[in-house]
Amino acid sequence: MLTLRCARCRQKLFKYLKVGKGRVLRCYKQRMSHDHTVHDGRVVRCQCGNAIGQDVGTWIKLERNAFTITGTKV
């Protein structure tokens, strides 16, 4: 389980179950838990206002430098 945090304020955004190798470029909503983000239309933001990504329906397209990751991939 991965924990994604805001790169600007280090606040926890959400926990995500990553399956497989590779980068985290998109997060499927069904694999997310403990969501602390703010959905501002299509833009997904941290509570500090930092834009994390864009909501594209069933998944969120993440901005590369907007977050940090801790935890392990499955």
PDB file of N, CA and C in Angstrom:
ATOM      1  N   MET A   1       0.850  -1.171   0.000  1.00  0.00           N
ATOM      2  CA  MET A   1       0.000   0.000   0.000  1.00  0.00           C
ATOM      3  C   MET A   1       0.895   1.233   0.000  1.00  0.00           C
ATOM      4  N   LEU A   2       0.631   2.136  -0.908  1.00  0.00           N
ATOM      5  CA  LEU A   2       1.401   3.366  -1.018  1.00  0.00           C
ATOM      6  C   LEU A   2       0.653   4.514  -0.338  1.00  0.00           C
ATOM      7  N   THR A   3       1.413   5.439   0.215  1.00  0.00           N
ATOM      8  CA  THR A   3       0.856   6.665   0.764  1.00  0.00           C
ATOM      9  C   THR A   3       1.367   7.819  -0.081  1.00  0.00           C
ATOM     10  N   LEU A   4       0.465   8.585  -0.659  1.00  0.00           N
ATOM     11  CA  LEU A   4       0.842   9.743  -1.458  1.00  0.00           C
ATOM     12  C   LEU A   4       0.673  10.994  -0.617  1.00  0.00           C
ATOM     13  N   ARG A   5       1.717  11.844  -0.630  1.00  0.00           N
ATOM     14  CA  ARG A   5       1.714  13.091   0.123  1.00  0.00           C
ATOM     15  C   ARG A   5       1.974  14.255  -0.826  1.00  0.00           C
ATOM     16  N   CYS A   6       1.484  15.418  -0.453  1.00  0.00           N
ATOM     17  CA  CYS A   6       1.692  16.630  -1.230  1.00  0.00           C
ATOM     18  C   CYS A   6       3.168  17.003  -1.182  1.00  0.00           C
ATOM     19  N   ALA A   7       3.752  17.384  -2.312  1.00  0.00           N
ATOM     20  CA  ALA A   7       5.163  17.766  -2.371  1.00  0.00           C
ATOM     21  C   ALA A   7       5.392  19.134  -1.733  1.00  0.00           C
ATOM     22  N   ARG A   8       4.365  19.961  -1.674  1.00  0.00           N
ATOM     23  CA  ARG A   8       4.521  21.309  -1.128  1.00  0.00           C
ATOM     24  C   ARG A   8       4.394  21.325   0.399  1.00  0.00           C
ATOM     25  N   CYS A   9       3.310  20.750   0.945  1.00  0.00           N
ATOM     26  CA  CYS A   9       3.050  20.854   2.386  1.00  0.00           C
ATOM     27  C   CYS A   9       3.221  19.538   3.142  1.00  0.00           C
ATOM     28  N   ARG A  10       3.473  18.433   2.446  1.00  0.00           N
ATOM     29  CA  ARG A  10       3.680  17.108   3.027  1.00  0.00           C
ATOM     30  C   ARG A  10       2.444  16.527   3.713  1.00  0.00           C
ATOM     31  N   GLN A  11       1.271  17.043   3.408  1.00  0.00           N
ATOM     32  CA  GLN A  11       0.041  16.508   3.970  1.00  0.00           C
ATOM     33  C   GLN A  11      -0.348  15.230   3.225  1.00  0.00           C
ATOM     34  N   LYS A  12      -0.909  14.264   3.941  1.00  0.00           N
ATOM     35  CA  LYS A  12      -1.316  13.007   3.339  1.00  0.00           C
ATOM     36  C   LYS A  12      -2.488  13.241   2.392  1.00  0.00           C
ATOM     37  N   LEU A  13      -2.380  12.734   1.153  1.00  0.00           N
ATOM     38  CA  LEU A  13      -3.437  12.881   0.156  1.00  0.00           C
ATOM     39  C   LEU A  13      -4.379  11.683   0.176  1.00  0.00           C
ATOM     40  N   PHE A  14      -3.818  10.482  -0.026  1.00  0.00           N
ATOM     41  CA  PHE A  14      -4.607   9.261   0.035  1.00  0.00           C
ATOM     42  C   PHE A  14      -3.679   8.054   0.059  1.00  0.00           C
ATOM     43  N   LYS A  15      -4.260   6.902   0.372  1.00  0.00           N
ATOM     44  CA  LYS A  15      -3.538   5.639   0.303  1.00  0.00           C
ATOM     45  C   LYS A  15      -3.993   4.943  -0.973  1.00  0.00           C
ATOM     46  N   TYR A  16      -3.061   4.249  -1.632  1.00  0.00           N
ATOM     47  CA  TYR A  16      -3.340   3.664  -2.937  1.00  0.00           C
ATOM     48  C   TYR A  16      -2.726   2.275  -3.025  1.00  0.00           C
ATOM     49  N   LEU A  17      -3.476   1.327  -3.534  1.00  0.00           N
ATOM     50  CA  LEU A  17      -2.999  -0.033  -3.756  1.00  0.00           C
ATOM     51  C   LEU A  17      -2.430  -0.105  -5.158  1.00  0.00           C
ATOM     52  N   LYS A  18      -1.104  -0.055  -5.275  1.00  0.00           N
ATOM     53  CA  LYS A  18      -0.411  -0.117  -6.564  1.00  0.00           C
ATOM     54  C   LYS A  18      -0.138  -1.570  -6.901  1.00  0.00           C
ATOM     55  N   VAL A  19      -0.557  -2.001  -8.075  1.00  0.00           N
ATOM     56  CA  VAL A  19      -0.332  -3.358  -8.532  1.00  0.00           C
ATOM     57  C   VAL A  19       0.642  -3.312  -9.696  1.00  0.00           C
ATOM     58  N   GLY A  20       1.749  -4.022  -9.584  1.00  0.00           N
ATOM     59  CA  GLY A  20       2.733  -4.085 -10.653  1.00  0.00           C
ATOM     60  C   GLY A  20       3.865  -3.103 -10.470  1.00  0.00           C
ATOM     61  N   LYS A  21       4.799  -3.190 -11.406  1.00  0.00           N
ATOM     62  CA  LYS A  21       5.976  -2.330 -11.382  1.00  0.00           C
ATOM     63  C   LYS A  21       5.666  -1.002 -12.063  1.00  0.00           C
ATOM     64  N   GLY A  22       6.621  -0.110 -11.986  1.00  0.00           N
ATOM     65  CA  GLY A  22       6.508   1.137 -12.725  1.00  0.00           C
ATOM     66  C   GLY A  22       6.109   2.317 -11.876  1.00  0.00           C
ATOM     67  N   ARG A  23       6.029   3.456 -12.529  1.00  0.00           N
ATOM     68  CA  ARG A  23       5.685   4.716 -11.875  1.00  0.00           C
ATOM     69  C   ARG A  23       4.197   4.807 -11.588  1.00  0.00           C
ATOM     70  N   VAL A  24       3.866   5.710 -10.707  1.00  0.00           N
ATOM     71  CA  VAL A  24       2.463   6.000 -10.414  1.00  0.00           C
ATOM     72  C   VAL A  24       2.091   7.235 -11.233  1.00  0.00           C
ATOM     73  N   LEU A  25       1.506   7.018 -12.394  1.00  0.00           N
ATOM     74  CA  LEU A  25       1.120   8.108 -13.278  1.00  0.00           C
ATOM     75  C   LEU A  25      -0.384   8.329 -13.277  1.00  0.00           C
ATOM     76  N   ARG A  26      -1.128   7.292 -12.926  1.00  0.00           N
ATOM     77  CA  ARG A  26      -2.579   7.402 -12.801  1.00  0.00           C
ATOM     78  C   ARG A  26      -3.030   6.524 -11.650  1.00  0.00           C
ATOM     79  N   CYS A  27      -4.035   6.985 -10.935  1.00  0.00           N
ATOM     80  CA  CYS A  27      -4.575   6.252  -9.795  1.00  0.00           C
ATOM     81  C   CYS A  27      -6.038   5.937 -10.068  1.00  0.00           C
ATOM     82  N   TYR A  28      -6.375   4.662 -10.036  1.00  0.00           N
ATOM     83  CA  TYR A  28      -7.760   4.252 -10.206  1.00  0.00           C
ATOM     84  C   TYR A  28      -8.511   4.468  -8.899  1.00  0.00           C
ATOM     85  N   LYS A  29      -9.680   5.070  -8.984  1.00  0.00           N
ATOM     86  CA  LYS A  29     -10.442   5.456  -7.805  1.00  0.00           C
ATOM     87  C   LYS A  29     -10.855   4.261  -6.961  1.00  0.00           C
ATOM     88  N   GLN A  30     -11.087   3.110  -7.577  1.00  0.00           N
ATOM     89  CA  GLN A  30     -11.510   1.936  -6.818  1.00  0.00           C
ATOM     90  C   GLN A  30     -10.390   1.376  -5.951  1.00  0.00           C
ATOM     91  N   ARG A  31      -9.130   1.729  -6.231  1.00  0.00           N
ATOM     92  CA  ARG A  31      -7.993   1.268  -5.435  1.00  0.00           C
ATOM     93  C   ARG A  31      -7.552   2.290  -4.393  1.00  0.00           C
ATOM     94  N   MET A  32      -8.200   3.458  -4.338  1.00  0.00           N
ATOM     95  CA  MET A  32      -7.850   4.510  -3.391  1.00  0.00           C
ATOM     96  C   MET A  32      -8.623   4.330  -2.093  1.00  0.00           C
ATOM     97  N   SER A  33      -7.973   4.688  -0.972  1.00  0.00           N
ATOM     98  CA  SER A  33      -8.673   4.707   0.307  1.00  0.00           C
ATOM     99  C   SER A  33      -8.179   5.906   1.105  1.00  0.00           C
ATOM    100  N   HIS A  34      -8.972   6.348   2.062  1.00  0.00           N
ATOM    101  CA  HIS A  34      -8.637   7.489   2.915  1.00  0.00           C
ATOM    102  C   HIS A  34      -8.298   8.722   2.074  1.00  0.00           C
ATOM    103  N   ASP A  35      -9.207   9.125   1.209  1.00  0.00           N
ATOM    104  CA  ASP A  35      -8.991  10.256   0.303  1.00  0.00           C
ATOM    105  C   ASP A  35      -9.140  11.575   1.047  1.00  0.00           C
ATOM    106  N   HIS A  36      -8.084  12.412   1.059  1.00  0.00           N
ATOM    107  CA  HIS A  36      -8.104  13.717   1.711  1.00  0.00           C
ATOM    108  C   HIS A  36      -7.937  14.844   0.691  1.00  0.00           C
ATOM    109  N   THR A  37      -8.202  14.584  -0.575  1.00  0.00           N
ATOM    110  CA  THR A  37      -8.026  15.594  -1.611  1.00  0.00           C
ATOM    111  C   THR A  37      -9.305  16.405  -1.792  1.00  0.00           C
ATOM    112  N   VAL A  38      -9.169  17.530  -2.485  1.00  0.00           N
ATOM    113  CA  VAL A  38     -10.295  18.411  -2.798  1.00  0.00           C
ATOM    114  C   VAL A  38     -10.508  18.351  -4.312  1.00  0.00           C
ATOM    115  N   HIS A  39     -11.718  17.994  -4.734  1.00  0.00           N
ATOM    116  CA  HIS A  39     -12.040  17.918  -6.157  1.00  0.00           C
ATOM    117  C   HIS A  39     -12.677  19.232  -6.570  1.00  0.00           C
ATOM    118  N   ASP A  40     -11.960  19.991  -7.382  1.00  0.00           N
ATOM    119  CA  ASP A  40     -12.387  21.311  -7.838  1.00  0.00           C
ATOM    120  C   ASP A  40     -12.717  21.207  -9.325  1.00  0.00           C
ATOM    121  N   GLY A  41     -13.905  20.660  -9.619  1.00  0.00           N
ATOM    122  CA  GLY A  41     -14.249  20.371 -11.016  1.00  0.00           C
ATOM    123  C   GLY A  41     -13.460  19.162 -11.474  1.00  0.00           C
ATOM    124  N   ARG A  42     -12.664  19.318 -12.517  1.00  0.00           N
ATOM    125  CA  ARG A  42     -11.813  18.220 -12.993  1.00  0.00           C
ATOM    126  C   ARG A  42     -10.448  18.209 -12.325  1.00  0.00           C
ATOM    127  N   VAL A  43     -10.084  19.293 -11.656  1.00  0.00           N
ATOM    128  CA  VAL A  43      -8.770  19.402 -11.026  1.00  0.00           C
ATOM    129  C   VAL A  43      -8.832  18.824  -9.612  1.00  0.00           C
ATOM    130  N   VAL A  44      -7.854  17.976  -9.281  1.00  0.00           N
ATOM    131  CA  VAL A  44      -7.740  17.404  -7.945  1.00  0.00           C
ATOM    132  C   VAL A  44      -6.626  18.156  -7.225  1.00  0.00           C
ATOM    133  N   ARG A  45      -6.935  18.701  -6.055  1.00  0.00           N
ATOM    134  CA  ARG A  45      -5.990  19.541  -5.320  1.00  0.00           C
ATOM    135  C   ARG A  45      -5.798  19.035  -3.899  1.00  0.00           C
ATOM    136  N   CYS A  46      -4.653  19.404  -3.345  1.00  0.00           N
ATOM    137  CA  CYS A  46      -4.401  19.228  -1.920  1.00  0.00           C
ATOM    138  C   CYS A  46      -5.166  20.329  -1.187  1.00  0.00           C
ATOM    139  N   GLN A  47      -5.289  20.221   0.120  1.00  0.00           N
ATOM    140  CA  GLN A  47      -5.979  21.256   0.884  1.00  0.00           C
ATOM    141  C   GLN A  47      -5.195  22.558   0.922  1.00  0.00           C
ATOM    142  N   CYS A  48      -3.875  22.515   0.613  1.00  0.00           N
ATOM    143  CA  CYS A  48      -3.073  23.747   0.556  1.00  0.00           C
ATOM    144  C   CYS A  48      -3.242  24.469  -0.787  1.00  0.00           C
ATOM    145  N   GLY A  49      -3.897  23.825  -1.769  1.00  0.00           N
ATOM    146  CA  GLY A  49      -4.135  24.442  -3.063  1.00  0.00           C
ATOM    147  C   GLY A  49      -3.258  23.916  -4.179  1.00  0.00           C
ATOM    148  N   ASN A  50      -2.300  23.057  -3.864  1.00  0.00           N
ATOM    149  CA  ASN A  50      -1.407  22.473  -4.868  1.00  0.00           C
ATOM    150  C   ASN A  50      -2.196  21.525  -5.779  1.00  0.00           C
ATOM    151  N   ALA A  51      -2.096  21.700  -7.096  1.00  0.00           N
ATOM    152  CA  ALA A  51      -2.790  20.840  -8.054  1.00  0.00           C
ATOM    153  C   ALA A  51      -2.058  19.502  -8.144  1.00  0.00           C
ATOM    154  N   ILE A  52      -2.753  18.416  -7.840  1.00  0.00           N
ATOM    155  CA  ILE A  52      -2.174  17.080  -7.836  1.00  0.00           C
ATOM    156  C   ILE A  52      -2.377  16.390  -9.176  1.00  0.00           C
ATOM    157  N   GLY A  53      -3.536  16.587  -9.788  1.00  0.00           N
ATOM    158  CA  GLY A  53      -3.817  15.933 -11.064  1.00  0.00           C
ATOM    159  C   GLY A  53      -5.181  16.323 -11.604  1.00  0.00           C
ATOM    160  N   GLN A  54      -5.625  15.541 -12.610  1.00  0.00           N
ATOM    161  CA  GLN A  54      -6.916  15.789 -13.250  1.00  0.00           C
ATOM    162  C   GLN A  54      -7.792  14.548 -13.153  1.00  0.00           C
ATOM    163  N   ASP A  55      -9.062  14.758 -12.835  1.00  0.00           N
ATOM    164  CA  ASP A  55     -10.030  13.673 -12.750  1.00  0.00           C
ATOM    165  C   ASP A  55     -10.503  13.339 -14.157  1.00  0.00           C
ATOM    166  N   VAL A  56     -10.296  12.085 -14.584  1.00  0.00           N
ATOM    167  CA  VAL A  56     -10.630  11.670 -15.945  1.00  0.00           C
ATOM    168  C   VAL A  56     -11.716  10.587 -15.919  1.00  0.00           C
ATOM    169  N   GLY A  57     -12.530  10.562 -14.885  1.00  0.00           N
ATOM    170  CA  GLY A  57     -13.607   9.576 -14.812  1.00  0.00           C
ATOM    171  C   GLY A  57     -13.306   8.500 -13.791  1.00  0.00           C
ATOM    172  N   THR A  58     -12.847   7.332 -14.232  1.00  0.00           N
ATOM    173  CA  THR A  58     -12.574   6.237 -13.312  1.00  0.00           C
ATOM    174  C   THR A  58     -11.172   6.295 -12.718  1.00  0.00           C
ATOM    175  N   TRP A  59     -10.344   7.206 -13.204  1.00  0.00           N
ATOM    176  CA  TRP A  59      -8.992   7.341 -12.666  1.00  0.00           C
ATOM    177  C   TRP A  59      -8.581   8.801 -12.629  1.00  0.00           C
ATOM    178  N   ILE A  60      -7.470   9.067 -11.926  1.00  0.00           N
ATOM    179  CA  ILE A  60      -6.928  10.416 -11.800  1.00  0.00           C
ATOM    180  C   ILE A  60      -5.553  10.437 -12.442  1.00  0.00           C
ATOM    181  N   LYS A  61      -5.357  11.334 -13.415  1.00  0.00           N
ATOM    182  CA  LYS A  61      -4.063  11.512 -14.066  1.00  0.00           C
ATOM    183  C   LYS A  61      -3.229  12.437 -13.186  1.00  0.00           C
ATOM    184  N   LEU A  62      -2.103  11.922 -12.660  1.00  0.00           N
ATOM    185  CA  LEU A  62      -1.310  12.664 -11.685  1.00  0.00           C
ATOM    186  C   LEU A  62      -0.214  13.482 -12.346  1.00  0.00           C
ATOM    187  N   GLU A  63       0.107  14.623 -11.717  1.00  0.00           N
ATOM    188  CA  GLU A  63       1.234  15.466 -12.130  1.00  0.00           C
ATOM    189  C   GLU A  63       2.483  14.896 -11.463  1.00  0.00           C
ATOM    190  N   ARG A  64       3.572  14.750 -12.190  1.00  0.00           N
ATOM    191  CA  ARG A  64       4.758  14.049 -11.693  1.00  0.00           C
ATOM    192  C   ARG A  64       5.396  14.673 -10.462  1.00  0.00           C
ATOM    193  N   ASN A  65       5.549  15.981 -10.403  1.00  0.00           N
ATOM    194  CA  ASN A  65       6.273  16.625  -9.319  1.00  0.00           C
ATOM    195  C   ASN A  65       5.359  17.183  -8.231  1.00  0.00           C
ATOM    196  N   ALA A  66       4.089  16.824  -8.232  1.00  0.00           N
ATOM    197  CA  ALA A  66       3.142  17.390  -7.286  1.00  0.00           C
ATOM    198  C   ALA A  66       2.992  16.562  -6.018  1.00  0.00           C
ATOM    199  N   PHE A  67       3.588  15.362  -5.965  1.00  0.00           N
ATOM    200  CA  PHE A  67       3.388  14.474  -4.826  1.00  0.00           C
ATOM    201  C   PHE A  67       4.649  13.654  -4.570  1.00  0.00           C
ATOM    202  N   THR A  68       4.715  13.072  -3.379  1.00  0.00           N
ATOM    203  CA  THR A  68       5.763  12.132  -3.025  1.00  0.00           C
ATOM    204  C   THR A  68       5.111  10.828  -2.599  1.00  0.00           C
ATOM    205  N   ILE A  69       5.870   9.731  -2.675  1.00  0.00           N
ATOM    206  CA  ILE A  69       5.333   8.407  -2.400  1.00  0.00           C
ATOM    207  C   ILE A  69       6.163   7.713  -1.319  1.00  0.00           C
ATOM    208  N   THR A  70       5.487   7.072  -0.380  1.00  0.00           N
ATOM    209  CA  THR A  70       6.121   6.180   0.589  1.00  0.00           C
ATOM    210  C   THR A  70       5.338   4.889   0.619  1.00  0.00           C
ATOM    211  N   GLY A  71       5.967   3.806   0.993  1.00  0.00           N
ATOM    212  CA  GLY A  71       5.296   2.516   1.068  1.00  0.00           C
ATOM    213  C   GLY A  71       5.849   1.543   0.063  1.00  0.00           C
ATOM    214  N   THR A  72       5.156   0.412  -0.097  1.00  0.00           N
ATOM    215  CA  THR A  72       5.614  -0.645  -0.995  1.00  0.00           C
ATOM    216  C   THR A  72       4.555  -0.966  -2.042  1.00  0.00           C
ATOM    217  N   LYS A  73       5.043  -1.386  -3.218  1.00  0.00           N
ATOM    218  CA  LYS A  73       4.163  -1.786  -4.308  1.00  0.00           C
ATOM    219  C   LYS A  73       3.893  -3.284  -4.195  1.00  0.00           C
ATOM    220  N   VAL A  74       2.714  -3.716  -4.645  1.00  0.00           N
ATOM    221  CA  VAL A  74       2.351  -5.132  -4.609  1.00  0.00           C
ATOM    222  C   VAL A  74       2.744  -5.773  -5.918  1.00  0.00           C
TER     223      VAL A  74
END
